[in-house]
Amino acid sequence: MNADLLPIFLHVPAGVFRMGTFERDLSALARRYGGTRESYREEAPQHEVALPAFALAATPVTNALYATFVRATGIAPPLHWRGTLPPAALHDHPVVDINWHEAVAFCQWLTASLQQTSVVVQGLAPPYHFRLPSEAEWERSARGSDGRQFPWGDEFRAELANTRESNLGSSSVVGSRPEGISPIGAHDMAGNVWEWTASLDALYPYQRNDGREDPTREGRRMMRGGCYVNPQGYARCACRFRLAPTVRNEFTGFRLAI
């Protein structure tokens, strides 16, 4: 394992943050971003959530890092790769075409692999136990504790996120918009690619121990962050989306937590 392929990890202390959207703001969201008030109902109510300390990767998993998993395990690579290697131009882009089960398997494989080496992960002390972040951990990392709309504040700025407004039409190198970092210092929390979380699709208020974090339960899993083909409304920190865990597409990747 090449340590240079591993992301830096950012520590998030235990504490309380404001998750979701106030009901009084749902109509305003519909006017600004389209749809109806009910389109945003799943984000409400805004509520306080207490989380224990955790660490989150500063960037999503790249194609180059995921390729080490493909070569070591023989798992099927993303469809747009050339055999077991991604196109050279995409080495530092987030890996996509990964379903939820494959993302979980990668976390388990990386945990086992690093237990057998002396590789040091920046920002962490061994032993390492990698996993997907919960939906609450992802949102806490994206918006901080003050309920902001985007990682950098309440107003959208097209130059800070790879969304439809950037007119790029494809993913971009991870961390390539450093001025758009979140309060904890995480990159690409708005746009670039959707990111799988550990959490099942369930209504608010968020309850960490109500079964939604059970990895063995069937059901759709939540995704966060929006992607390069979505308009800015999907890049809001509170925006929720979900897919069946068997689905993969060119817009969806993941990042690590611990």
Protein backbone atom coordinates (compact mmCIF):
# COMPACT_ATOMS: atom_id res chain seq x y z
CA MET A 1 0.00 0.00 0.00
CA ASN A 2 1.36 3.40 -1.03
CA ALA A 3 0.70 5.80 1.85
CA ASP A 4 0.56 8.70 -0.60
CA LEU A 5 -2.71 7.31 -1.98
CA LEU A 6 -4.45 7.55 1.40
CA PRO A 7 -6.41 10.68 2.31
CA ILE A 8 -5.64 12.89 5.28
CA PHE A 9 -8.12 12.47 8.13
CA LEU A 10 -9.74 15.32 10.02
CA HIS A 11 -10.83 15.00 13.64
CA VAL A 12 -14.30 16.17 14.62
CA PRO A 13 -14.81 16.54 18.38
CA ALA A 14 -17.89 15.29 20.19
CA GLY A 15 -20.66 17.84 20.26
CA VAL A 16 -24.04 19.04 19.09
CA PHE A 17 -24.93 20.43 15.66
CA ARG A 18 -28.07 21.53 13.84
CA MET A 19 -29.17 18.91 11.27
CA GLY A 20 -31.78 19.41 8.57
CA THR A 21 -33.97 22.35 7.54
CA PHE A 22 -36.52 24.42 9.43
CA GLU A 23 -40.10 23.73 8.30
CA ARG A 24 -40.62 27.47 7.88
CA ASP A 25 -37.94 27.48 5.16
CA LEU A 26 -39.37 24.71 2.94
CA SER A 27 -41.46 27.00 0.74
CA ALA A 28 -38.50 29.32 0.22
CA LEU A 29 -36.39 26.37 -0.92
CA ALA A 30 -39.07 25.40 -3.44
CA ARG A 31 -39.19 28.94 -4.84
CA ARG A 32 -35.41 29.15 -5.11
CA TYR A 33 -34.50 25.69 -6.34
CA GLY A 34 -37.72 24.34 -7.88
CA GLY A 35 -40.18 21.65 -6.92
CA THR A 36 -42.78 22.02 -4.21
CA ARG A 37 -42.64 22.54 -0.47
CA GLU A 38 -43.22 18.81 -0.05
CA SER A 39 -40.15 18.08 -2.18
CA TYR A 40 -38.04 19.25 0.76
CA ARG A 41 -40.13 17.77 3.55
CA GLU A 42 -37.64 14.96 4.18
CA GLU A 43 -35.10 17.55 5.39
CA ALA A 44 -37.38 18.77 8.18
CA PRO A 45 -37.52 19.47 10.97
CA GLN A 46 -34.17 21.04 11.74
CA HIS A 47 -33.09 19.53 15.04
CA GLU A 48 -30.08 19.22 17.29
CA VAL A 49 -28.04 16.02 17.10
CA ALA A 50 -25.31 15.02 19.54
CA LEU A 51 -22.47 12.97 18.07
CA PRO A 52 -19.44 11.34 19.64
CA ALA A 53 -16.01 12.23 18.27
CA PHE A 54 -15.04 10.79 14.89
CA ALA A 55 -12.64 11.40 12.02
CA LEU A 56 -13.48 11.96 8.35
CA ALA A 57 -11.32 11.78 5.26
CA ALA A 58 -10.54 15.21 3.84
CA THR A 59 -11.30 13.97 0.30
CA PRO A 60 -13.30 11.18 -1.35
CA VAL A 61 -11.66 7.86 -2.26
CA THR A 62 -9.82 8.28 -5.55
CA ASN A 63 -9.62 5.97 -8.52
CA ALA A 64 -5.93 5.38 -7.76
CA LEU A 65 -6.66 4.22 -4.21
CA TYR A 66 -9.62 2.07 -5.25
CA ALA A 67 -7.41 0.41 -7.90
CA THR A 68 -5.29 -1.13 -5.13
CA PHE A 69 -8.47 -2.84 -3.88
CA VAL A 70 -9.40 -4.06 -7.36
CA ARG A 71 -5.96 -5.57 -7.96
CA ALA A 72 -5.74 -7.16 -4.52
CA THR A 73 -9.19 -8.74 -4.44
CA GLY A 74 -10.21 -9.28 -8.06
CA ILE A 75 -13.45 -7.36 -7.51
CA ALA A 76 -14.96 -6.02 -10.74
CA PRO A 77 -13.61 -2.56 -11.56
CA PRO A 78 -15.83 0.38 -12.54
CA LEU A 79 -17.14 -0.04 -16.07
CA HIS A 80 -15.23 2.91 -17.57
CA TRP A 81 -11.83 1.61 -16.44
CA ARG A 82 -9.43 -0.19 -18.75
CA GLY A 83 -9.05 -3.52 -17.03
CA THR A 84 -7.84 -3.16 -13.45
CA LEU A 85 -6.53 0.39 -13.93
CA PRO A 86 -8.44 3.66 -14.28
CA PRO A 87 -7.62 6.01 -17.16
CA ALA A 88 -4.45 7.94 -16.26
CA ALA A 89 -6.25 11.28 -16.43
CA LEU A 90 -8.69 10.11 -13.74
CA HIS A 91 -6.23 8.76 -11.14
CA ASP A 92 -6.88 11.65 -8.75
CA HIS A 93 -10.61 11.94 -9.46
CA PRO A 94 -13.12 10.35 -7.07
CA VAL A 95 -13.94 6.76 -7.89
CA VAL A 96 -17.49 6.30 -9.21
CA ASP A 97 -19.67 3.40 -10.41
CA ILE A 98 -19.42 1.96 -6.90
CA ASN A 99 -22.46 0.54 -5.14
CA TRP A 100 -22.97 0.69 -1.38
CA HIS A 101 -21.91 -2.91 -0.79
CA GLU A 102 -18.66 -2.36 -2.70
CA ALA A 103 -17.93 0.80 -0.69
CA VAL A 104 -18.42 -1.15 2.56
CA ALA A 105 -16.23 -3.99 1.26
CA PHE A 106 -13.48 -1.50 0.43
CA CYS A 107 -13.57 -0.15 4.01
CA GLN A 108 -13.24 -3.66 5.40
CA TRP A 109 -10.43 -4.56 3.02
CA LEU A 110 -8.46 -1.38 3.77
CA THR A 111 -8.82 -1.97 7.50
CA ALA A 112 -7.47 -5.52 7.20
CA SER A 113 -4.70 -4.51 4.79
CA LEU A 114 -3.27 -1.75 6.98
CA GLN A 115 -3.29 -3.99 10.04
CA GLN A 116 -0.64 -6.05 8.25
CA THR A 117 1.65 -3.14 7.36
CA SER A 118 3.48 -0.23 8.99
CA VAL A 119 1.79 2.36 6.78
CA VAL A 120 0.91 5.53 8.67
CA VAL A 121 -2.33 7.37 7.86
CA GLN A 122 -2.06 11.14 8.25
CA GLY A 123 -4.25 12.37 11.08
CA LEU A 124 -4.82 8.93 12.64
CA ALA A 125 -3.18 6.60 15.11
CA PRO A 126 -3.43 2.83 14.66
CA PRO A 127 -5.29 0.55 14.85
CA TYR A 128 -7.43 1.70 11.94
CA HIS A 129 -11.06 0.70 11.51
CA PHE A 130 -12.40 2.34 8.38
CA ARG A 131 -16.10 2.69 7.60
CA LEU A 132 -18.59 4.91 5.81
CA PRO A 133 -19.72 8.00 7.72
CA SER A 134 -23.26 8.13 9.01
CA GLU A 135 -25.59 10.64 7.41
CA ALA A 136 -25.33 12.79 10.53
CA GLU A 137 -21.53 12.66 10.59
CA TRP A 138 -21.42 13.64 6.93
CA GLU A 139 -23.71 16.64 7.47
CA ARG A 140 -21.84 17.71 10.62
CA SER A 141 -18.60 17.64 8.64
CA ALA A 142 -20.09 19.60 5.74
CA ARG A 143 -21.82 22.42 7.60
CA GLY A 144 -20.21 22.65 11.01
CA SER A 145 -22.38 23.41 14.01
CA ASP A 146 -24.11 26.60 12.83
CA GLY A 147 -26.63 25.25 10.30
CA ARG A 148 -25.10 26.94 7.23
CA GLN A 149 -26.51 26.12 3.79
CA PHE A 150 -23.22 25.30 2.01
CA PRO A 151 -19.82 24.26 3.39
CA TRP A 152 -18.50 27.83 3.03
CA GLY A 153 -21.61 29.75 4.13
CA ASP A 154 -25.21 30.52 3.26
CA GLU A 155 -24.79 31.79 -0.32
CA PHE A 156 -23.91 29.58 -3.26
CA ARG A 157 -20.67 30.39 -5.08
CA ALA A 158 -20.21 28.53 -8.35
CA GLU A 159 -16.43 28.72 -8.28
CA LEU A 160 -16.28 26.76 -5.02
CA ALA A 161 -18.09 23.59 -6.13
CA ASN A 162 -18.18 21.30 -9.15
CA THR A 163 -21.92 21.44 -9.83
CA ARG A 164 -23.87 22.04 -13.04
CA GLU A 165 -23.09 25.73 -12.68
CA SER A 166 -19.37 25.02 -13.21
CA ASN A 167 -20.14 23.81 -16.77
CA LEU A 168 -17.38 21.19 -16.44
CA GLY A 169 -19.65 18.24 -17.16
CA SER A 170 -17.39 15.70 -15.46
CA SER A 171 -15.80 14.94 -12.12
CA SER A 172 -12.73 16.90 -11.07
CA VAL A 173 -9.53 16.18 -9.14
CA VAL A 174 -10.29 15.78 -5.44
CA GLY A 175 -9.46 18.87 -3.42
CA SER A 176 -9.15 21.09 -6.47
CA ARG A 177 -11.39 23.82 -5.00
CA PRO A 178 -9.66 24.50 -1.67
CA GLU A 179 -11.57 27.73 -1.01
CA GLY A 180 -14.75 25.66 -0.80
CA ILE A 181 -13.68 23.59 2.19
CA SER A 182 -16.07 22.90 5.05
CA PRO A 183 -15.61 24.18 8.62
CA ILE A 184 -13.60 21.07 9.55
CA GLY A 185 -11.40 21.40 6.44
CA ALA A 186 -13.07 18.75 4.26
CA HIS A 187 -12.99 19.15 0.47
CA ASP A 188 -15.69 18.35 -2.11
CA MET A 189 -18.58 18.26 0.35
CA ALA A 190 -20.62 20.19 -2.24
CA GLY A 191 -20.67 18.84 -5.79
CA ASN A 192 -18.16 16.67 -7.65
CA VAL A 193 -19.79 13.27 -6.84
CA TRP A 194 -22.55 11.99 -4.59
CA GLU A 195 -21.20 10.11 -1.57
CA TRP A 196 -22.63 7.01 0.03
CA THR A 197 -23.23 7.11 3.77
CA ALA A 198 -23.79 4.24 6.17
CA SER A 199 -27.35 5.32 6.99
CA LEU A 200 -30.63 3.81 5.88
CA ASP A 201 -33.36 6.00 4.41
CA ALA A 202 -35.37 7.07 7.45
CA LEU A 203 -37.35 10.12 8.54
CA TYR A 204 -36.13 12.87 10.84
CA PRO A 205 -35.44 13.51 13.59
CA TYR A 206 -32.20 11.58 13.26
CA GLN A 207 -31.75 8.95 15.96
CA ARG A 208 -28.38 7.24 15.91
CA ASN A 209 -29.63 4.15 17.76
CA ASP A 210 -32.99 3.56 16.04
CA GLY A 211 -31.66 0.96 13.59
CA ARG A 212 -30.87 3.25 10.68
CA GLU A 213 -27.14 2.56 11.14
CA ASP A 214 -27.57 -1.23 11.09
CA PRO A 215 -25.44 -2.49 8.16
CA THR A 216 -27.41 -5.74 7.93
CA ARG A 217 -30.84 -4.20 7.40
CA GLU A 218 -32.30 -4.03 3.92
CA GLY A 219 -33.34 -0.75 2.38
CA ARG A 220 -32.12 2.27 0.49
CA ARG A 221 -28.99 4.01 1.75
CA MET A 222 -28.56 7.76 1.99
CA MET A 223 -26.24 9.75 -0.23
CA ARG A 224 -25.02 13.29 0.23
CA GLY A 225 -23.32 16.20 -1.52
CA GLY A 226 -24.73 16.43 -5.04
CA CYS A 227 -22.59 16.00 -8.13
CA TYR A 228 -21.25 17.68 -11.24
CA VAL A 229 -24.51 17.33 -13.20
CA ASN A 230 -26.81 18.57 -10.42
CA PRO A 231 -27.72 22.23 -9.91
CA GLN A 232 -26.72 24.03 -6.75
CA GLY A 233 -29.76 23.06 -4.68
CA TYR A 234 -28.50 19.49 -4.47
CA ALA A 235 -25.14 20.69 -3.11
CA ARG A 236 -26.73 22.13 0.03
CA CYS A 237 -25.47 20.51 3.22
CA ALA A 238 -28.99 19.46 4.24
CA CYS A 239 -30.00 17.91 0.91
CA ARG A 240 -30.82 14.20 1.13
CA PHE A 241 -30.88 11.57 -1.62
CA ARG A 242 -31.04 7.80 -1.58
CA LEU A 243 -30.56 4.73 -3.78
CA ALA A 244 -30.85 0.99 -3.40
CA PRO A 245 -27.49 -0.34 -2.14
CA THR A 246 -27.04 -2.42 -5.31
CA VAL A 247 -27.17 0.58 -7.65
CA ARG A 248 -24.02 2.03 -9.18
CA ASN A 249 -23.68 4.95 -11.57
CA GLU A 250 -21.13 7.47 -12.86
CA PHE A 251 -22.16 10.10 -10.31
CA THR A 252 -21.68 8.22 -7.04
CA GLY A 253 -18.57 7.56 -4.93
CA PHE A 254 -17.73 7.63 -1.23
CA ARG A 255 -15.30 8.82 1.44
CA LEU A 256 -13.95 7.18 4.57
CA ALA A 257 -14.63 7.73 8.23
CA ILE A 258 -13.21 6.21 11.37
